[in-house]
């Protein structure tokens, strides 16, 4: 099990520091041993989309000037896109916006109105430009309130950290901004060793931190709280690699898409510079997709490639 003191400190941006010993040397515990936490996980509530409905469409709202000015590479939207694909959710939109209240308010209202599942990433830290919670409170006409259980969990972490014990009142106030949520939000604790909750608004919009490791952990932990599509609705993808030029395979792919569209199979092509082309087939009928993939491999002098192999081959370029 990971420990909050190591992976999710009270201020997630803080590097691991000296920890106060949880017990005396006489007890046999090491003074440098990191404490482990076992906070209760939130119970799974009723379907936020109403009984019988499940998530069909999604959107992602990536918040941060540092993404727009190139300082930070956005990995979270890619992880979310893969999450949606693997769970049968149709990701319709990814937007990147600055740390500006007007932009956050407008985008949040618009996306929540249109899609079943919306996530935001970034802007929930302790500094002046972390305005996501406050902006979302404005967007959905809610006051801001300190969430007492989140403060309690945060303070449990602080007991183990000497670098937080001497904070000034201003520094403590800044830290406690990370527990200042829209008053009617649903607060979901997704793991026993993570104090940071997923904050859900309007039953649809889930607020995540921007730190990739924490974002990924919390998104995966949110699965039990989401009305995901049944397995029958989840797509299957088969990729085929060919060394033929994309222009040479274009007529065949055009004819293939026209022929297979009614069967619910989507055909795509993705060239690699001076290497060849990956052809992608996506559909819910696994046998049908595999049958078409065999045809594509024959016609384009290509080979079938697994998802894992495709990721590895592309990463090596």
C-alpha atoms as a PDB file:
ATOM      1  CA  UNK A   1       0.000   0.000   0.000  1.00  0.00           C
ATOM      2  CA  UNK A   2       1.194   3.500  -0.790  1.00  0.00           C
ATOM      3  CA  UNK A   3       1.402   5.974   2.048  1.00  0.00           C
ATOM      4  CA  UNK A   4      -0.158   9.383   1.988  1.00  0.00           C
ATOM      5  CA  UNK A   5       2.895  10.951   3.582  1.00  0.00           C
ATOM      6  CA  UNK A   6       4.973   9.776   0.655  1.00  0.00           C
ATOM      7  CA  UNK A   7       2.608   9.909  -2.309  1.00  0.00           C
ATOM      8  CA  UNK A   8      -0.117  12.350  -1.301  1.00  0.00           C
ATOM      9  CA  UNK A   9       1.167  14.856   1.263  1.00  0.00           C
ATOM     10  CA  UNK A  10      -1.137  17.438   2.824  1.00  0.00           C
ATOM     11  CA  UNK A  11       0.144  19.764   0.126  1.00  0.00           C
ATOM     12  CA  UNK A  12       0.479  17.428  -2.906  1.00  0.00           C
ATOM     13  CA  UNK A  13       3.232  19.607  -4.371  1.00  0.00           C
ATOM     14  CA  UNK A  14       5.432  19.114  -1.293  1.00  0.00           C
ATOM     15  CA  UNK A  15       8.446  16.825  -1.575  1.00  0.00           C
ATOM     16  CA  UNK A  16       8.838  14.105   1.063  1.00  0.00           C
ATOM     17  CA  UNK A  17      10.482  15.488   4.185  1.00  0.00           C
ATOM     18  CA  UNK A  18      11.462  14.242   7.594  1.00  0.00           C
ATOM     19  CA  UNK A  19       8.623  12.480   9.382  1.00  0.00           C
ATOM     20  CA  UNK A  20       8.085  12.564  13.103  1.00  0.00           C
ATOM     21  CA  UNK A  21       8.312   9.068  14.616  1.00  0.00           C
ATOM     22  CA  UNK A  22       4.921   7.536  15.255  1.00  0.00           C
ATOM     23  CA  UNK A  23       6.229   5.745  18.326  1.00  0.00           C
ATOM     24  CA  UNK A  24       9.241   5.735  20.615  1.00  0.00           C
ATOM     25  CA  UNK A  25      12.411   3.830  19.733  1.00  0.00           C
ATOM     26  CA  UNK A  26      11.563   1.417  22.512  1.00  0.00           C
ATOM     27  CA  UNK A  27       8.584   0.179  20.501  1.00  0.00           C
ATOM     28  CA  UNK A  28      10.884  -1.053  17.762  1.00  0.00           C
ATOM     29  CA  UNK A  29       9.567   1.353  15.069  1.00  0.00           C
ATOM     30  CA  UNK A  30      12.108   3.227  12.971  1.00  0.00           C
ATOM     31  CA  UNK A  31      12.184   6.994  13.361  1.00  0.00           C
ATOM     32  CA  UNK A  32      12.245   7.281   9.551  1.00  0.00           C
ATOM     33  CA  UNK A  33       9.410   4.826   8.951  1.00  0.00           C
ATOM     34  CA  UNK A  34       6.566   6.430   7.016  1.00  0.00           C
ATOM     35  CA  UNK A  35       3.160   5.994   8.656  1.00  0.00           C
ATOM     36  CA  UNK A  36       0.385   4.244   6.801  1.00  0.00           C
ATOM     37  CA  UNK A  37      -3.159   5.570   6.716  1.00  0.00           C
ATOM     38  CA  UNK A  38      -6.430   3.730   6.417  1.00  0.00           C
ATOM     39  CA  UNK A  39      -9.095   6.360   5.896  1.00  0.00           C
ATOM     40  CA  UNK A  40     -12.650   5.122   5.197  1.00  0.00           C
ATOM     41  CA  UNK A  41     -13.688   5.019   1.533  1.00  0.00           C
ATOM     42  CA  UNK A  42     -16.954   6.732   0.642  1.00  0.00           C
ATOM     43  CA  UNK A  43     -19.989   4.484   0.229  1.00  0.00           C
ATOM     44  CA  UNK A  44     -21.281   4.155  -3.321  1.00  0.00           C
ATOM     45  CA  UNK A  45     -24.301   6.401  -3.716  1.00  0.00           C
ATOM     46  CA  UNK A  46     -27.271   6.129  -6.045  1.00  0.00           C
ATOM     47  CA  UNK A  47     -26.774   6.516  -9.776  1.00  0.00           C
ATOM     48  CA  UNK A  48     -26.155  10.255 -10.284  1.00  0.00           C
ATOM     49  CA  UNK A  49     -27.710  10.028 -13.775  1.00  0.00           C
ATOM     50  CA  UNK A  50     -30.884   8.376 -12.428  1.00  0.00           C
ATOM     51  CA  UNK A  51     -31.595   4.665 -12.207  1.00  0.00           C
ATOM     52  CA  UNK A  52     -31.207   2.730 -15.436  1.00  0.00           C
ATOM     53  CA  UNK A  53     -29.013   5.305 -17.188  1.00  0.00           C
ATOM     54  CA  UNK A  54     -25.310   4.960 -17.796  1.00  0.00           C
ATOM     55  CA  UNK A  55     -22.555   7.219 -19.090  1.00  0.00           C
ATOM     56  CA  UNK A  56     -22.481   7.439 -22.876  1.00  0.00           C
ATOM     57  CA  UNK A  57     -20.613  10.668 -23.574  1.00  0.00           C
ATOM     58  CA  UNK A  58     -17.785  12.527 -21.830  1.00  0.00           C
ATOM     59  CA  UNK A  59     -15.691  15.680 -21.980  1.00  0.00           C
ATOM     60  CA  UNK A  60     -12.468  16.809 -20.333  1.00  0.00           C
ATOM     61  CA  UNK A  61     -11.638  20.296 -19.098  1.00  0.00           C
ATOM     62  CA  UNK A  62      -7.916  20.795 -18.545  1.00  0.00           C
ATOM     63  CA  UNK A  63      -7.277  23.960 -16.538  1.00  0.00           C
ATOM     64  CA  UNK A  64      -3.956  25.743 -16.350  1.00  0.00           C
ATOM     65  CA  UNK A  65      -1.914  28.566 -17.835  1.00  0.00           C
ATOM     66  CA  UNK A  66       1.104  26.249 -17.629  1.00  0.00           C
ATOM     67  CA  UNK A  67      -0.427  23.935 -20.249  1.00  0.00           C
ATOM     68  CA  UNK A  68      -1.291  26.770 -22.606  1.00  0.00           C
ATOM     69  CA  UNK A  69       2.146  28.376 -22.399  1.00  0.00           C
ATOM     70  CA  UNK A  70       3.966  25.090 -22.945  1.00  0.00           C
ATOM     71  CA  UNK A  71       5.561  24.802 -19.516  1.00  0.00           C
ATOM     72  CA  UNK A  72       3.657  21.618 -18.646  1.00  0.00           C
ATOM     73  CA  UNK A  73       2.945  18.663 -20.917  1.00  0.00           C
ATOM     74  CA  UNK A  74      -0.673  17.569 -20.475  1.00  0.00           C
ATOM     75  CA  UNK A  75      -0.651  13.812 -19.831  1.00  0.00           C
ATOM     76  CA  UNK A  76      -3.995  13.699 -18.070  1.00  0.00           C
ATOM     77  CA  UNK A  77      -6.203  14.162 -21.122  1.00  0.00           C
ATOM     78  CA  UNK A  78      -4.482  11.230 -22.850  1.00  0.00           C
ATOM     79  CA  UNK A  79      -4.972   9.027 -19.796  1.00  0.00           C
ATOM     80  CA  UNK A  80      -8.627  10.060 -19.631  1.00  0.00           C
ATOM     81  CA  UNK A  81      -9.098   9.326 -23.336  1.00  0.00           C
ATOM     82  CA  UNK A  82      -7.776   5.797 -22.849  1.00  0.00           C
ATOM     83  CA  UNK A  83      -9.948   5.395 -19.749  1.00  0.00           C
ATOM     84  CA  UNK A  84     -13.027   6.369 -21.738  1.00  0.00           C
ATOM     85  CA  UNK A  85     -12.220   4.076 -24.651  1.00  0.00           C
ATOM     86  CA  UNK A  86     -11.565   1.072 -22.415  1.00  0.00           C
ATOM     87  CA  UNK A  87     -14.857   1.633 -20.584  1.00  0.00           C
ATOM     88  CA  UNK A  88     -17.033   2.178 -23.637  1.00  0.00           C
ATOM     89  CA  UNK A  89     -17.510   5.923 -23.147  1.00  0.00           C
ATOM     90  CA  UNK A  90     -17.554   8.183 -26.204  1.00  0.00           C
ATOM     91  CA  UNK A  91     -15.160  11.036 -25.390  1.00  0.00           C
ATOM     92  CA  UNK A  92     -16.477  13.967 -27.406  1.00  0.00           C
ATOM     93  CA  UNK A  93     -14.315  16.899 -26.381  1.00  0.00           C
ATOM     94  CA  UNK A  94     -11.068  17.917 -24.678  1.00  0.00           C
ATOM     95  CA  UNK A  95     -10.664  21.604 -23.878  1.00  0.00           C
ATOM     96  CA  UNK A  96      -7.673  23.429 -22.380  1.00  0.00           C
ATOM     97  CA  UNK A  97      -8.452  26.753 -20.726  1.00  0.00           C
ATOM     98  CA  UNK A  98      -6.517  29.278 -18.618  1.00  0.00           C
ATOM     99  CA  UNK A  99      -6.794  29.909 -14.883  1.00  0.00           C
ATOM    100  CA  UNK A 100      -9.522  32.488 -15.424  1.00  0.00           C
ATOM    101  CA  UNK A 101     -12.867  32.384 -13.634  1.00  0.00           C
ATOM    102  CA  UNK A 102     -14.860  33.510 -16.655  1.00  0.00           C
ATOM    103  CA  UNK A 103     -13.443  30.697 -18.828  1.00  0.00           C
ATOM    104  CA  UNK A 104     -13.959  28.024 -16.167  1.00  0.00           C
ATOM    105  CA  UNK A 105     -17.537  29.098 -15.445  1.00  0.00           C
ATOM    106  CA  UNK A 106     -18.539  29.171 -19.101  1.00  0.00           C
ATOM    107  CA  UNK A 107     -16.912  25.861 -20.015  1.00  0.00           C
ATOM    108  CA  UNK A 108     -18.187  23.997 -16.944  1.00  0.00           C
ATOM    109  CA  UNK A 109     -21.794  25.040 -17.502  1.00  0.00           C
ATOM    110  CA  UNK A 110     -21.695  24.227 -21.205  1.00  0.00           C
ATOM    111  CA  UNK A 111     -20.035  20.814 -20.875  1.00  0.00           C
ATOM    112  CA  UNK A 112     -22.207  19.652 -17.967  1.00  0.00           C
ATOM    113  CA  UNK A 113     -25.314  20.580 -19.924  1.00  0.00           C
ATOM    114  CA  UNK A 114     -24.230  18.581 -22.970  1.00  0.00           C
ATOM    115  CA  UNK A 115     -22.354  15.479 -21.731  1.00  0.00           C
ATOM    116  CA  UNK A 116     -22.950  12.667 -19.218  1.00  0.00           C
ATOM    117  CA  UNK A 117     -19.508  12.715 -17.580  1.00  0.00           C
ATOM    118  CA  UNK A 118     -17.165  15.685 -17.358  1.00  0.00           C
ATOM    119  CA  UNK A 119     -13.821  15.927 -15.600  1.00  0.00           C
ATOM    120  CA  UNK A 120     -11.681  18.907 -14.729  1.00  0.00           C
ATOM    121  CA  UNK A 121      -7.972  18.678 -14.028  1.00  0.00           C
ATOM    122  CA  UNK A 122      -5.852  21.290 -12.289  1.00  0.00           C
ATOM    123  CA  UNK A 123      -6.264  24.449 -10.264  1.00  0.00           C
ATOM    124  CA  UNK A 124      -7.103  22.962  -6.845  1.00  0.00           C
ATOM    125  CA  UNK A 125      -3.872  23.696  -4.981  1.00  0.00           C
ATOM    126  CA  UNK A 126      -3.112  26.333  -2.315  1.00  0.00           C
ATOM    127  CA  UNK A 127      -1.859  29.254  -4.429  1.00  0.00           C
ATOM    128  CA  UNK A 128      -3.518  32.392  -5.792  1.00  0.00           C
ATOM    129  CA  UNK A 129      -4.050  30.940  -9.279  1.00  0.00           C
ATOM    130  CA  UNK A 130      -5.759  27.778  -7.971  1.00  0.00           C
ATOM    131  CA  UNK A 131      -9.307  28.963  -8.535  1.00  0.00           C
ATOM    132  CA  UNK A 132     -11.110  25.872  -9.835  1.00  0.00           C
ATOM    133  CA  UNK A 133     -13.261  25.205  -6.740  1.00  0.00           C
ATOM    134  CA  UNK A 134     -14.244  28.866  -6.399  1.00  0.00           C
ATOM    135  CA  UNK A 135     -15.036  29.175 -10.112  1.00  0.00           C
ATOM    136  CA  UNK A 136     -17.163  26.023 -10.104  1.00  0.00           C
ATOM    137  CA  UNK A 137     -19.045  27.284  -7.059  1.00  0.00           C
ATOM    138  CA  UNK A 138     -19.868  30.386  -9.083  1.00  0.00           C
ATOM    139  CA  UNK A 139     -20.811  28.308 -12.125  1.00  0.00           C
ATOM    140  CA  UNK A 140     -23.407  26.333 -10.193  1.00  0.00           C
ATOM    141  CA  UNK A 141     -24.580  29.039  -7.785  1.00  0.00           C
ATOM    142  CA  UNK A 142     -23.163  27.573  -4.600  1.00  0.00           C
ATOM    143  CA  UNK A 143     -21.303  29.140  -1.683  1.00  0.00           C
ATOM    144  CA  UNK A 144     -17.871  27.849  -0.698  1.00  0.00           C
ATOM    145  CA  UNK A 145     -17.464  25.952   2.580  1.00  0.00           C
ATOM    146  CA  UNK A 146     -14.555  24.226   4.267  1.00  0.00           C
ATOM    147  CA  UNK A 147     -15.258  20.497   4.203  1.00  0.00           C
ATOM    148  CA  UNK A 148     -14.655  19.297   7.741  1.00  0.00           C
ATOM    149  CA  UNK A 149     -13.877  15.651   6.982  1.00  0.00           C
ATOM    150  CA  UNK A 150     -11.315  16.666   4.361  1.00  0.00           C
ATOM    151  CA  UNK A 151      -9.711  19.053   6.847  1.00  0.00           C
ATOM    152  CA  UNK A 152      -9.606  16.264   9.412  1.00  0.00           C
ATOM    153  CA  UNK A 153      -7.849  13.903   7.013  1.00  0.00           C
ATOM    154  CA  UNK A 154      -5.455  16.645   5.967  1.00  0.00           C
ATOM    155  CA  UNK A 155      -4.611  17.332   9.608  1.00  0.00           C
ATOM    156  CA  UNK A 156      -3.949  13.640  10.222  1.00  0.00           C
ATOM    157  CA  UNK A 157      -1.300  13.825   7.530  1.00  0.00           C
ATOM    158  CA  UNK A 158       0.199  16.967   9.001  1.00  0.00           C
ATOM    159  CA  UNK A 159       0.863  15.240  12.312  1.00  0.00           C
ATOM    160  CA  UNK A 160       3.552  13.196  10.561  1.00  0.00           C
ATOM    161  CA  UNK A 161       5.266  16.110   8.819  1.00  0.00           C
ATOM    162  CA  UNK A 162       7.679  18.432  10.608  1.00  0.00           C
ATOM    163  CA  UNK A 163       7.727  20.823   7.642  1.00  0.00           C
ATOM    164  CA  UNK A 164       4.067  21.738   8.222  1.00  0.00           C
ATOM    165  CA  UNK A 165       4.239  22.201  11.999  1.00  0.00           C
ATOM    166  CA  UNK A 166       5.689  25.726  11.873  1.00  0.00           C
ATOM    167  CA  UNK A 167       3.403  27.192   9.243  1.00  0.00           C
ATOM    168  CA  UNK A 168       2.163  30.747   9.773  1.00  0.00           C
ATOM    169  CA  UNK A 169      -1.590  31.488   9.909  1.00  0.00           C
ATOM    170  CA  UNK A 170      -1.397  32.710   6.307  1.00  0.00           C
ATOM    171  CA  UNK A 171       0.289  29.487   5.196  1.00  0.00           C
ATOM    172  CA  UNK A 172      -2.280  27.365   7.039  1.00  0.00           C
ATOM    173  CA  UNK A 173      -5.092  29.322   5.408  1.00  0.00           C
ATOM    174  CA  UNK A 174      -3.529  28.697   2.007  1.00  0.00           C
ATOM    175  CA  UNK A 175      -3.285  24.965   2.709  1.00  0.00           C
ATOM    176  CA  UNK A 176      -6.869  24.781   3.918  1.00  0.00           C
ATOM    177  CA  UNK A 177      -8.060  26.294   0.625  1.00  0.00           C
ATOM    178  CA  UNK A 178      -7.606  22.764  -0.738  1.00  0.00           C
ATOM    179  CA  UNK A 179     -10.617  21.751   1.395  1.00  0.00           C
ATOM    180  CA  UNK A 180     -12.773  24.741   0.419  1.00  0.00           C
ATOM    181  CA  UNK A 181     -15.459  23.181  -1.785  1.00  0.00           C
ATOM    182  CA  UNK A 182     -18.782  24.231  -3.316  1.00  0.00           C
ATOM    183  CA  UNK A 183     -21.235  23.651  -0.458  1.00  0.00           C
ATOM    184  CA  UNK A 184     -23.576  21.185  -2.192  1.00  0.00           C
ATOM    185  CA  UNK A 185     -20.856  19.156  -3.894  1.00  0.00           C
ATOM    186  CA  UNK A 186     -20.599  15.407  -3.419  1.00  0.00           C
ATOM    187  CA  UNK A 187     -17.268  14.504  -1.804  1.00  0.00           C
ATOM    188  CA  UNK A 188     -15.922  11.062  -2.733  1.00  0.00           C
ATOM    189  CA  UNK A 189     -12.956   9.422  -1.004  1.00  0.00           C
ATOM    190  CA  UNK A 190     -11.721   6.791  -3.417  1.00  0.00           C
ATOM    191  CA  UNK A 191      -8.844   5.092  -1.543  1.00  0.00           C
ATOM    192  CA  UNK A 192      -7.875   4.513   2.099  1.00  0.00           C
ATOM    193  CA  UNK A 193      -4.458   6.126   1.668  1.00  0.00           C
ATOM    194  CA  UNK A 194      -5.504   9.195  -0.348  1.00  0.00           C
ATOM    195  CA  UNK A 195      -6.886  12.144   1.599  1.00  0.00           C
ATOM    196  CA  UNK A 196      -7.718  14.225  -1.479  1.00  0.00           C
ATOM    197  CA  UNK A 197     -11.330  13.577  -2.534  1.00  0.00           C
ATOM    198  CA  UNK A 198     -12.951  13.649  -5.934  1.00  0.00           C
ATOM    199  CA  UNK A 199     -15.456  16.489  -5.760  1.00  0.00           C
ATOM    200  CA  UNK A 200     -18.542  15.865  -7.931  1.00  0.00           C
ATOM    201  CA  UNK A 201     -20.972  18.590  -8.996  1.00  0.00           C
ATOM    202  CA  UNK A 202     -24.366  18.263 -10.688  1.00  0.00           C
ATOM    203  CA  UNK A 203     -23.883  14.487 -10.628  1.00  0.00           C
ATOM    204  CA  UNK A 204     -21.590  14.815 -13.659  1.00  0.00           C
ATOM    205  CA  UNK A 205     -18.561  17.062 -13.174  1.00  0.00           C
ATOM    206  CA  UNK A 206     -15.709  15.436 -11.254  1.00  0.00           C
ATOM    207  CA  UNK A 207     -12.838  17.624 -10.078  1.00  0.00           C
ATOM    208  CA  UNK A 208      -9.310  16.179 -10.135  1.00  0.00           C
ATOM    209  CA  UNK A 209      -5.849  17.493  -9.300  1.00  0.00           C
ATOM    210  CA  UNK A 210      -3.436  18.199 -12.136  1.00  0.00           C
ATOM    211  CA  UNK A 211      -0.522  16.077 -10.842  1.00  0.00           C
ATOM    212  CA  UNK A 212      -0.509  13.123 -13.293  1.00  0.00           C
ATOM    213  CA  UNK A 213       0.294  10.359 -10.796  1.00  0.00           C
ATOM    214  CA  UNK A 214      -2.469  11.498  -8.457  1.00  0.00           C
ATOM    215  CA  UNK A 215      -4.900  12.147 -11.322  1.00  0.00           C
ATOM    216  CA  UNK A 216      -4.458   8.611 -12.630  1.00  0.00           C
ATOM    217  CA  UNK A 217      -4.805   7.019  -9.205  1.00  0.00           C
ATOM    218  CA  UNK A 218      -7.975   8.942  -8.428  1.00  0.00           C
ATOM    219  CA  UNK A 219      -9.577   8.390 -11.833  1.00  0.00           C
ATOM    220  CA  UNK A 220      -9.067   4.635 -11.549  1.00  0.00           C
ATOM    221  CA  UNK A 221     -10.372   4.728  -7.983  1.00  0.00           C
ATOM    222  CA  UNK A 222     -13.535   6.501  -9.102  1.00  0.00           C
ATOM    223  CA  UNK A 223     -14.744   3.533 -11.163  1.00  0.00           C
ATOM    224  CA  UNK A 224     -17.116   2.084  -8.498  1.00  0.00           C
ATOM    225  CA  UNK A 225     -18.853   5.467  -8.258  1.00  0.00           C
ATOM    226  CA  UNK A 226     -19.573   5.749 -11.996  1.00  0.00           C
ATOM    227  CA  UNK A 227     -22.544   4.266 -13.903  1.00  0.00           C
ATOM    228  CA  UNK A 228     -20.321   2.822 -16.613  1.00  0.00           C
ATOM    229  CA  UNK A 229     -21.674   1.234 -19.795  1.00  0.00           C
ATOM    230  CA  UNK A 230     -22.249  -2.546 -19.747  1.00  0.00           C
ATOM    231  CA  UNK A 231     -19.518  -4.733 -21.215  1.00  0.00           C
ATOM    232  CA  UNK A 232     -21.584  -5.222 -24.386  1.00  0.00           C
ATOM    233  CA  UNK A 233     -21.263  -1.510 -25.136  1.00  0.00           C
ATOM    234  CA  UNK A 234     -17.489  -1.414 -24.910  1.00  0.00           C
ATOM    235  CA  UNK A 235     -15.634  -1.204 -28.234  1.00  0.00           C
ATOM    236  CA  UNK A 236     -12.928  -3.476 -29.562  1.00  0.00           C
ATOM    237  CA  UNK A 237      -9.997  -2.060 -31.525  1.00  0.00           C
ATOM    238  CA  UNK A 238      -7.699  -3.934 -33.888  1.00  0.00           C
ATOM    239  CA  UNK A 239      -4.732  -2.247 -35.517  1.00  0.00           C
ATOM    240  CA  UNK A 240      -2.941  -3.275 -38.687  1.00  0.00           C
ATOM    241  CA  UNK A 241       0.469  -1.957 -39.728  1.00  0.00           C
ATOM    242  CA  UNK A 242       1.459  -1.616 -43.369  1.00  0.00           C
ATOM    243  CA  UNK A 243       4.556  -0.127 -44.993  1.00  0.00           C
ATOM    244  CA  UNK A 244       2.543   1.058 -47.986  1.00  0.00           C
ATOM    245  CA  UNK A 245       2.209   4.861 -48.414  1.00  0.00           C
ATOM    246  CA  UNK A 246      -1.016   6.318 -47.027  1.00  0.00           C
ATOM    247  CA  UNK A 247      -2.015   7.675 -50.444  1.00  0.00           C
ATOM    248  CA  UNK A 248      -1.730   4.174 -51.901  1.00  0.00           C
ATOM    249  CA  UNK A 249      -4.099   2.664 -49.335  1.00  0.00           C
ATOM    250  CA  UNK A 250      -6.568   5.583 -49.306  1.00  0.00           C
ATOM    251  CA  UNK A 251      -8.908   4.267 -52.061  1.00  0.00           C
ATOM    252  CA  UNK A 252      -9.206   0.882 -50.358  1.00  0.00           C
ATOM    253  CA  UNK A 253      -9.911   2.447 -46.945  1.00  0.00           C
ATOM    254  CA  UNK A 254     -12.557   4.757 -48.434  1.00  0.00           C
ATOM    255  CA  UNK A 255     -14.356   1.782 -49.966  1.00  0.00           C
ATOM    256  CA  UNK A 256     -13.933  -0.231 -46.758  1.00  0.00           C
ATOM    257  CA  UNK A 257     -15.459   2.469 -44.544  1.00  0.00           C
ATOM    258  CA  UNK A 258     -18.459   2.823 -46.852  1.00  0.00           C
ATOM    259  CA  UNK A 259     -18.939  -0.940 -46.760  1.00  0.00           C
ATOM    260  CA  UNK A 260     -18.574  -1.403 -43.001  1.00  0.00           C
ATOM    261  CA  UNK A 261     -20.123   1.776 -41.595  1.00  0.00           C
ATOM    262  CA  UNK A 262     -23.573   0.247 -41.271  1.00  0.00           C
ATOM    263  CA  UNK A 263     -22.063  -2.575 -39.217  1.00  0.00           C
ATOM    264  CA  UNK A 264     -20.779  -0.003 -36.737  1.00  0.00           C
ATOM    265  CA  UNK A 265     -17.094  -0.326 -37.641  1.00  0.00           C
ATOM    266  CA  UNK A 266     -14.971   2.822 -37.799  1.00  0.00           C
ATOM    267  CA  UNK A 267     -11.901   2.867 -40.035  1.00  0.00           C
ATOM    268  CA  UNK A 268      -8.961   5.195 -39.418  1.00  0.00           C
ATOM    269  CA  UNK A 269      -5.400   5.577 -40.672  1.00  0.00           C
ATOM    270  CA  UNK A 270      -2.462   7.069 -38.806  1.00  0.00           C
ATOM    271  CA  UNK A 271       0.823   7.505 -40.722  1.00  0.00           C
ATOM    272  CA  UNK A 272       4.293   7.387 -39.200  1.00  0.00           C
ATOM    273  CA  UNK A 273       6.827   9.554 -40.991  1.00  0.00           C
ATOM    274  CA  UNK A 274       8.887   7.430 -43.406  1.00  0.00           C
ATOM    275  CA  UNK A 275       7.790   4.237 -41.626  1.00  0.00           C
ATOM    276  CA  UNK A 276       4.327   3.246 -42.777  1.00  0.00           C
ATOM    277  CA  UNK A 277       0.729   3.471 -41.614  1.00  0.00           C
ATOM    278  CA  UNK A 278      -1.325   2.076 -38.738  1.00  0.00           C
ATOM    279  CA  UNK A 279      -4.884   1.249 -39.796  1.00  0.00           C
ATOM    280  CA  UNK A 280      -7.359   1.186 -36.919  1.00  0.00           C
ATOM    281  CA  UNK A 281     -10.660  -0.700 -36.873  1.00  0.00           C
ATOM    282  CA  UNK A 282     -13.067  -0.042 -34.004  1.00  0.00           C
ATOM    283  CA  UNK A 283     -16.396  -1.738 -33.377  1.00  0.00           C
ATOM    284  CA  UNK A 284     -18.438  -3.570 -30.757  1.00  0.00           C
ATOM    285  CA  UNK A 285     -18.720  -6.846 -32.682  1.00  0.00           C
ATOM    286  CA  UNK A 286     -15.337  -8.439 -31.959  1.00  0.00           C
ATOM    287  CA  UNK A 287     -15.679 -11.215 -34.537  1.00  0.00           C
ATOM    288  CA  UNK A 288     -16.707  -8.765 -37.259  1.00  0.00           C
ATOM    289  CA  UNK A 289     -13.765  -6.459 -36.515  1.00  0.00           C
ATOM    290  CA  UNK A 290     -11.325  -9.379 -36.539  1.00  0.00           C
ATOM    291  CA  UNK A 291     -12.731 -10.641 -39.845  1.00  0.00           C
ATOM    292  CA  UNK A 292     -12.300  -7.214 -41.457  1.00  0.00           C
ATOM    293  CA  UNK A 293      -8.811  -6.886 -39.970  1.00  0.00           C
ATOM    294  CA  UNK A 294      -7.723 -10.087 -41.714  1.00  0.00           C
ATOM    295  CA  UNK A 295      -8.978  -8.659 -44.990  1.00  0.00           C
ATOM    296  CA  UNK A 296      -7.112  -5.385 -44.423  1.00  0.00           C
ATOM    297  CA  UNK A 297      -3.874  -7.202 -43.621  1.00  0.00           C
ATOM    298  CA  UNK A 298      -4.150  -9.207 -46.856  1.00  0.00           C
ATOM    299  CA  UNK A 299      -5.052  -6.284 -49.093  1.00  0.00           C
ATOM    300  CA  UNK A 300      -2.432  -3.914 -47.666  1.00  0.00           C
ATOM    301  CA  UNK A 301       0.379  -6.438 -47.227  1.00  0.00           C
ATOM    302  CA  UNK A 302       0.319  -5.661 -43.515  1.00  0.00           C
ATOM    303  CA  UNK A 303       0.283  -7.408 -40.144  1.00  0.00           C
ATOM    304  CA  UNK A 304      -2.055  -7.415 -37.163  1.00  0.00           C
ATOM    305  CA  UNK A 305      -0.710  -5.521 -34.154  1.00  0.00           C
ATOM    306  CA  UNK A 306      -1.918  -5.808 -30.555  1.00  0.00           C
ATOM    307  CA  UNK A 307      -2.689  -2.688 -28.515  1.00  0.00           C
ATOM    308  CA  UNK A 308       0.355  -3.308 -26.336  1.00  0.00           C
ATOM    309  CA  UNK A 309       2.673  -3.818 -29.310  1.00  0.00           C
ATOM    310  CA  UNK A 310       1.315  -0.726 -31.054  1.00  0.00           C
ATOM    311  CA  UNK A 311       1.983   1.441 -27.998  1.00  0.00           C
ATOM    312  CA  UNK A 312       5.493   0.023 -27.664  1.00  0.00           C
ATOM    313  CA  UNK A 313       6.323   0.476 -31.348  1.00  0.00           C
ATOM    314  CA  UNK A 314       5.043   4.057 -31.417  1.00  0.00           C
ATOM    315  CA  UNK A 315       6.892   4.941 -28.208  1.00  0.00           C
ATOM    316  CA  UNK A 316      10.159   3.686 -29.710  1.00  0.00           C
ATOM    317  CA  UNK A 317       9.980   6.138 -32.631  1.00  0.00           C
END
